[in-house]
């Protein structure tokens, strides 16, 4: 029996790397796209590079998407590529729209024109809910509070539109915040755990943060990629909210992270008004009951375990870096 083939856009990111590993374990042939114009950072997928195939493609260029699909001939496509850092969307709103909104349309249109039976997963985001009161589920109205959130709403609705208009098996996973040691350093959880590690090894004396009262539903990215896969294994295409159903503040992340290193967070964290967003999202908490009921999905890693895992990984990384520097 032929192995299933999957194509992942954004394979070099946090989610793409975990998803690629997950699909390889399931016996898939895994293809991933990288942008032609950039020097790709392959650090997250270094360990699996011999087992995957990388193709040049760009969400801004439909012809490159068509070539990638022709070469990979996938049964499943996971669209994880986007301008994913919310604060950057304020400084680059048009580019965010091109990648995160219109880029989804380009991919869907290429899939439609191939005429192949391809199942499509769109990475939607809890940022689409914005100021809508929690808990948020599949019926909660969207009220995005950033250009990123607005672009994700477009991507979500165009996926629904192609499903309803053309009968594509196209689904959106509305994932709440999901973190890991592979999270980008610009994201607040990783900024905190990396900041703790820098303080521990003597590379920093303080950590500057913005809104400590923002509340989020944080889970482990490695758990969430299973939900993506499960959505494409169903008999009918539907959208799902994925999260833990718990909420925590940025302050709580600080408490756990510094405590893991034997430090008192108040001695090191400084509030910086310059890091506040023009319009912030105060309160996000998932109602993942549909995903739990229909998909049988459950998160495995708890909040404290997640933050401690990230702190441990960052301290180890910084100690290794310091050791390498000292041995030169």
Protein backbone atom coordinates (compact mmCIF):
# COMPACT_ATOMS: atom_id res chain seq x y z
CA UNK A 1 0.00 0.00 0.00
CA UNK A 2 1.36 3.43 -0.99
CA UNK A 3 2.32 5.78 1.80
CA UNK A 4 0.19 8.87 2.32
CA UNK A 5 1.79 12.13 1.25
CA UNK A 6 1.44 15.43 3.06
CA UNK A 7 2.60 18.92 2.13
CA UNK A 8 3.29 21.41 4.96
CA UNK A 9 3.71 25.12 4.34
CA UNK A 10 5.67 26.71 7.15
CA UNK A 11 7.48 23.44 7.91
CA UNK A 12 10.46 25.28 9.42
CA UNK A 13 8.31 26.88 12.13
CA UNK A 14 7.38 25.54 15.55
CA UNK A 15 4.14 23.86 14.45
CA UNK A 16 5.52 22.69 11.12
CA UNK A 17 8.43 20.89 12.78
CA UNK A 18 6.23 19.10 15.31
CA UNK A 19 3.68 18.20 12.64
CA UNK A 20 6.38 16.83 10.33
CA UNK A 21 7.70 14.60 13.11
CA UNK A 22 4.16 13.46 13.95
CA UNK A 23 3.36 12.56 10.32
CA UNK A 24 6.65 10.73 9.84
CA UNK A 25 5.76 8.59 12.85
CA UNK A 26 2.44 7.86 11.12
CA UNK A 27 4.32 6.61 8.06
CA UNK A 28 3.70 9.60 5.76
CA UNK A 29 5.93 10.93 3.02
CA UNK A 30 6.42 14.51 4.18
CA UNK A 31 7.06 17.50 1.92
CA UNK A 32 7.56 21.04 3.14
CA UNK A 33 7.77 24.42 1.48
CA UNK A 34 10.48 27.02 1.99
CA UNK A 35 10.55 30.48 0.45
CA UNK A 36 12.89 31.06 -2.49
CA UNK A 37 13.88 34.57 -1.47
CA UNK A 38 15.09 33.71 1.99
CA UNK A 39 17.87 31.76 3.62
CA UNK A 40 15.78 29.24 5.52
CA UNK A 41 16.36 28.56 9.20
CA UNK A 42 16.33 24.77 9.29
CA UNK A 43 17.26 24.44 12.97
CA UNK A 44 13.88 23.05 14.08
CA UNK A 45 13.83 20.34 11.41
CA UNK A 46 17.56 19.53 11.40
CA UNK A 47 17.01 16.11 12.92
CA UNK A 48 14.51 15.01 10.26
CA UNK A 49 16.01 16.65 7.14
CA UNK A 50 17.11 13.31 5.61
CA UNK A 51 13.53 12.02 5.92
CA UNK A 52 11.62 14.93 4.35
CA UNK A 53 11.60 16.72 0.98
CA UNK A 54 11.82 20.50 0.87
CA UNK A 55 10.29 22.39 -2.07
CA UNK A 56 10.59 26.05 -3.00
CA UNK A 57 7.22 27.81 -2.85
CA UNK A 58 5.77 31.09 -1.67
CA UNK A 59 2.22 32.03 -0.64
CA UNK A 60 2.69 35.23 -2.67
CA UNK A 61 3.28 33.20 -5.87
CA UNK A 62 0.48 30.85 -7.02
CA UNK A 63 2.69 29.33 -9.74
CA UNK A 64 5.21 28.15 -7.16
CA UNK A 65 2.37 26.63 -5.12
CA UNK A 66 1.13 24.82 -8.22
CA UNK A 67 4.61 23.39 -8.88
CA UNK A 68 4.97 22.25 -5.26
CA UNK A 69 1.62 20.45 -5.36
CA UNK A 70 2.47 18.85 -8.71
CA UNK A 71 5.75 17.53 -7.33
CA UNK A 72 4.47 16.40 -3.91
CA UNK A 73 1.09 15.03 -5.14
CA UNK A 74 -0.22 15.22 -1.56
CA UNK A 75 -3.43 13.79 -0.18
CA UNK A 76 -3.22 16.34 2.65
CA UNK A 77 -2.02 19.95 2.75
CA UNK A 78 -1.41 21.76 6.04
CA UNK A 79 -1.20 25.54 5.55
CA UNK A 80 0.81 26.74 8.55
CA UNK A 81 2.77 29.51 6.82
CA UNK A 82 1.86 33.06 7.84
CA UNK A 83 3.18 36.33 9.20
CA UNK A 84 2.61 34.90 12.65
CA UNK A 85 3.92 37.46 15.16
CA UNK A 86 1.00 39.68 16.17
CA UNK A 87 2.95 42.89 17.06
CA UNK A 88 4.71 42.83 13.67
CA UNK A 89 1.32 42.96 11.97
CA UNK A 90 0.94 46.54 13.22
CA UNK A 91 4.12 47.65 11.44
CA UNK A 92 3.54 45.52 8.31
CA UNK A 93 -0.26 45.31 7.92
CA UNK A 94 -0.30 45.04 4.12
CA UNK A 95 2.31 42.28 3.98
CA UNK A 96 0.47 40.46 6.78
CA UNK A 97 -2.69 40.56 4.66
CA UNK A 98 -0.87 39.27 1.59
CA UNK A 99 0.56 36.23 3.38
CA UNK A 100 -2.01 35.46 6.07
CA UNK A 101 -5.20 36.33 4.19
CA UNK A 102 -4.77 36.37 0.41
CA UNK A 103 -2.13 33.64 0.57
CA UNK A 104 -4.83 31.22 1.78
CA UNK A 105 -6.96 32.09 -1.26
CA UNK A 106 -4.06 31.42 -3.61
CA UNK A 107 -3.51 27.98 -2.07
CA UNK A 108 -7.22 27.06 -2.16
CA UNK A 109 -7.55 28.20 -5.76
CA UNK A 110 -4.57 26.11 -6.85
CA UNK A 111 -6.06 23.07 -5.06
CA UNK A 112 -9.41 23.67 -6.76
CA UNK A 113 -7.84 23.93 -10.19
CA UNK A 114 -5.88 20.70 -9.81
CA UNK A 115 -9.14 18.77 -9.51
CA UNK A 116 -7.42 16.35 -7.15
CA UNK A 117 -8.87 14.94 -3.95
CA UNK A 118 -6.77 16.94 -1.52
CA UNK A 119 -7.72 17.56 2.10
CA UNK A 120 -6.75 21.05 3.27
CA UNK A 121 -6.04 22.31 6.78
CA UNK A 122 -5.98 26.05 7.46
CA UNK A 123 -4.24 27.29 10.61
CA UNK A 124 -6.76 29.71 12.07
CA UNK A 125 -6.11 31.50 15.36
CA UNK A 126 -7.72 32.45 18.66
CA UNK A 127 -6.64 36.03 17.82
CA UNK A 128 -9.70 36.10 15.54
CA UNK A 129 -11.91 36.26 18.65
CA UNK A 130 -10.16 39.35 19.97
CA UNK A 131 -12.46 41.11 22.42
CA UNK A 132 -15.26 38.51 22.25
CA UNK A 133 -15.98 37.34 25.84
CA UNK A 134 -14.64 33.92 26.89
CA UNK A 135 -14.93 31.02 26.72
CA UNK A 136 -14.74 31.07 22.92
CA UNK A 137 -16.00 28.20 20.78
CA UNK A 138 -16.93 27.53 17.15
CA UNK A 139 -20.07 29.71 17.43
CA UNK A 140 -18.41 32.73 19.08
CA UNK A 141 -18.48 35.84 16.82
CA UNK A 142 -15.08 37.12 15.71
CA UNK A 143 -13.88 40.55 16.87
CA UNK A 144 -10.16 40.73 15.99
CA UNK A 145 -7.99 43.39 17.58
CA UNK A 146 -4.93 43.37 15.32
CA UNK A 147 -4.13 43.30 11.58
CA UNK A 148 -2.98 39.70 12.15
CA UNK A 149 -6.33 38.75 13.67
CA UNK A 150 -8.21 40.45 10.83
CA UNK A 151 -6.11 38.61 8.22
CA UNK A 152 -6.74 35.29 9.98
CA UNK A 153 -10.50 35.95 9.91
CA UNK A 154 -10.29 36.38 6.14
CA UNK A 155 -8.27 33.16 5.80
CA UNK A 156 -10.82 31.34 7.94
CA UNK A 157 -13.85 32.57 6.00
CA UNK A 158 -12.31 31.94 2.57
CA UNK A 159 -11.63 28.36 3.65
CA UNK A 160 -15.28 27.96 4.66
CA UNK A 161 -16.32 29.60 1.38
CA UNK A 162 -14.30 27.19 -0.79
CA UNK A 163 -15.66 24.26 1.21
CA UNK A 164 -19.25 25.38 0.71
CA UNK A 165 -18.86 26.65 -2.87
CA UNK A 166 -16.68 23.95 -4.42
CA UNK A 167 -17.08 20.97 -2.10
CA UNK A 168 -13.42 20.95 -1.06
CA UNK A 169 -12.47 19.02 2.06
CA UNK A 170 -11.19 22.18 3.73
CA UNK A 171 -11.13 22.76 7.48
CA UNK A 172 -9.92 25.45 9.86
CA UNK A 173 -8.35 24.66 13.20
CA UNK A 174 -8.90 27.60 15.54
CA UNK A 175 -5.92 27.00 17.78
CA UNK A 176 -5.38 28.90 21.00
CA UNK A 177 -1.86 29.82 22.10
CA UNK A 178 0.48 26.87 21.88
CA UNK A 179 4.09 27.00 23.00
CA UNK A 180 7.22 24.86 23.26
CA UNK A 181 11.02 25.14 23.49
CA UNK A 182 10.85 25.71 19.71
CA UNK A 183 8.69 28.84 20.04
CA UNK A 184 10.19 31.98 18.51
CA UNK A 185 12.03 34.26 20.93
CA UNK A 186 9.70 37.15 20.05
CA UNK A 187 6.68 35.43 21.65
CA UNK A 188 6.02 36.35 25.27
CA UNK A 189 6.29 32.88 26.82
CA UNK A 190 9.62 32.19 25.13
CA UNK A 191 10.79 35.74 25.83
CA UNK A 192 10.20 35.01 29.51
CA UNK A 193 11.84 31.57 29.62
CA UNK A 194 14.81 32.77 27.57
CA UNK A 195 15.04 35.84 29.83
CA UNK A 196 15.16 33.61 32.91
CA UNK A 197 17.93 31.55 31.33
CA UNK A 198 19.93 34.66 30.42
CA UNK A 199 19.68 35.89 34.01
CA UNK A 200 20.74 32.48 35.37
CA UNK A 201 23.92 32.40 33.26
CA UNK A 202 24.73 36.06 33.90
CA UNK A 203 23.90 37.39 30.45
CA UNK A 204 21.12 39.72 31.71
CA UNK A 205 20.00 41.42 34.91
CA UNK A 206 16.36 42.17 34.11
CA UNK A 207 13.46 41.32 31.82
CA UNK A 208 11.24 43.97 30.26
CA UNK A 209 7.60 43.05 29.57
CA UNK A 210 4.40 44.82 28.58
CA UNK A 211 0.94 43.79 29.79
CA UNK A 212 1.33 41.34 32.70
CA UNK A 213 -2.44 41.00 33.13
CA UNK A 214 -3.23 39.65 29.65
CA UNK A 215 -4.89 36.25 30.02
CA UNK A 216 -4.35 33.42 27.58
CA UNK A 217 -5.11 29.74 27.09
CA UNK A 218 -1.64 28.20 26.70
CA UNK A 219 -0.95 24.61 25.67
CA UNK A 220 1.90 22.52 24.23
CA UNK A 221 2.40 22.75 20.46
CA UNK A 222 3.33 19.07 20.26
CA UNK A 223 -0.17 18.16 21.49
CA UNK A 224 -1.92 20.49 19.08
CA UNK A 225 -0.49 19.08 15.84
CA UNK A 226 -2.34 15.84 16.57
CA UNK A 227 -5.59 17.81 16.47
CA UNK A 228 -4.66 19.17 13.03
CA UNK A 229 -4.18 15.65 11.72
CA UNK A 230 -7.37 14.36 13.34
CA UNK A 231 -9.42 17.05 11.59
CA UNK A 232 -8.32 15.73 8.19
CA UNK A 233 -9.16 12.12 9.11
CA UNK A 234 -12.88 12.80 9.64
CA UNK A 235 -15.63 11.79 7.22
CA UNK A 236 -16.91 15.37 6.89
CA UNK A 237 -14.95 18.65 6.95
CA UNK A 238 -15.69 20.83 9.98
CA UNK A 239 -13.92 23.56 11.92
CA UNK A 240 -12.71 23.03 15.48
CA UNK A 241 -11.52 25.12 18.41
CA UNK A 242 -8.43 23.62 20.08
CA UNK A 243 -7.22 24.73 23.50
CA UNK A 244 -6.94 23.66 27.13
CA UNK A 245 -10.02 25.41 28.53
CA UNK A 246 -7.78 27.04 31.17
CA UNK A 247 -6.59 30.62 31.37
CA UNK A 248 -3.44 32.09 32.88
CA UNK A 249 -1.85 35.53 33.01
CA UNK A 250 1.54 36.61 31.75
CA UNK A 251 2.32 37.22 35.42
CA UNK A 252 1.69 33.53 36.17
CA UNK A 253 4.13 32.55 33.41
CA UNK A 254 6.72 34.74 35.13
CA UNK A 255 6.03 33.21 38.54
CA UNK A 256 6.48 29.63 37.30
CA UNK A 257 9.45 30.39 35.05
CA UNK A 258 11.50 32.28 37.65
CA UNK A 259 10.52 29.84 40.40
CA UNK A 260 11.84 26.97 38.27
CA UNK A 261 15.24 28.67 38.37
CA UNK A 262 15.01 29.43 42.10
CA UNK A 263 14.44 33.16 41.53
CA UNK A 264 11.80 35.70 42.65
CA UNK A 265 10.28 37.18 39.50
CA UNK A 266 9.52 40.58 41.05
CA UNK A 267 13.26 41.17 41.49
CA UNK A 268 13.87 41.01 37.74
CA UNK A 269 10.73 41.87 35.73
CA UNK A 270 10.32 45.51 34.69
CA UNK A 271 7.18 46.82 32.99
CA UNK A 272 7.84 48.68 29.74
CA UNK A 273 5.01 50.83 28.33
CA UNK A 274 6.66 50.73 24.90
CA UNK A 275 5.82 47.01 24.67
CA UNK A 276 2.05 47.54 24.97
CA UNK A 277 -0.01 46.95 21.81
CA UNK A 278 -2.20 49.67 20.25
CA UNK A 279 -5.25 47.45 20.92
CA UNK A 280 -4.62 44.44 23.11
CA UNK A 281 -6.59 41.25 23.56
CA UNK A 282 -7.15 40.90 27.27
CA UNK A 283 -8.82 37.55 27.70
CA UNK A 284 -8.77 34.35 25.61
CA UNK A 285 -9.96 30.95 26.85
CA UNK A 286 -11.02 28.05 24.66
CA UNK A 287 -14.06 25.86 24.89
CA UNK A 288 -12.55 22.76 23.21
CA UNK A 289 -15.51 20.49 23.97
CA UNK A 290 -16.32 19.83 20.30
CA UNK A 291 -12.74 18.74 19.53
CA UNK A 292 -12.69 16.54 22.62
CA UNK A 293 -16.06 15.00 21.79
CA UNK A 294 -15.78 14.57 18.00
CA UNK A 295 -12.05 14.10 17.52
CA UNK A 296 -11.26 12.40 20.81
CA UNK A 297 -8.45 14.93 21.25
CA UNK A 298 -6.96 15.63 24.68
CA UNK A 299 -4.04 17.79 25.72
CA UNK A 300 -1.31 15.84 27.54
CA UNK A 301 1.04 18.55 28.82
CA UNK A 302 -0.21 20.86 31.59
CA UNK A 303 0.55 24.59 31.92
CA UNK A 304 3.18 24.38 34.66
CA UNK A 305 4.90 21.42 33.01
CA UNK A 306 5.02 23.36 29.73
CA UNK A 307 6.63 26.48 31.20
CA UNK A 308 9.13 24.43 33.21
CA UNK A 309 10.02 22.41 30.11
CA UNK A 310 10.75 25.64 28.24
CA UNK A 311 12.84 27.09 31.09
CA UNK A 312 14.91 23.90 31.36
CA UNK A 313 15.55 23.87 27.60
CA UNK A 314 16.58 27.54 27.53
CA UNK A 315 18.92 27.22 30.54
CA UNK A 316 20.55 24.18 28.94
CA UNK A 317 20.92 26.06 25.63
CA UNK A 318 22.50 29.11 27.27
CA UNK A 319 24.87 27.00 29.39
CA UNK A 320 25.95 25.12 26.30
CA UNK A 321 26.47 28.40 24.45
CA UNK A 322 28.52 29.80 27.33
CA UNK A 323 30.56 26.58 27.49
CA UNK A 324 31.31 26.70 23.76
CA UNK A 325 32.36 30.34 24.07
CA UNK A 326 34.68 29.56 27.01
CA UNK A 327 36.35 26.66 25.18
CA UNK A 328 37.38 28.78 22.19
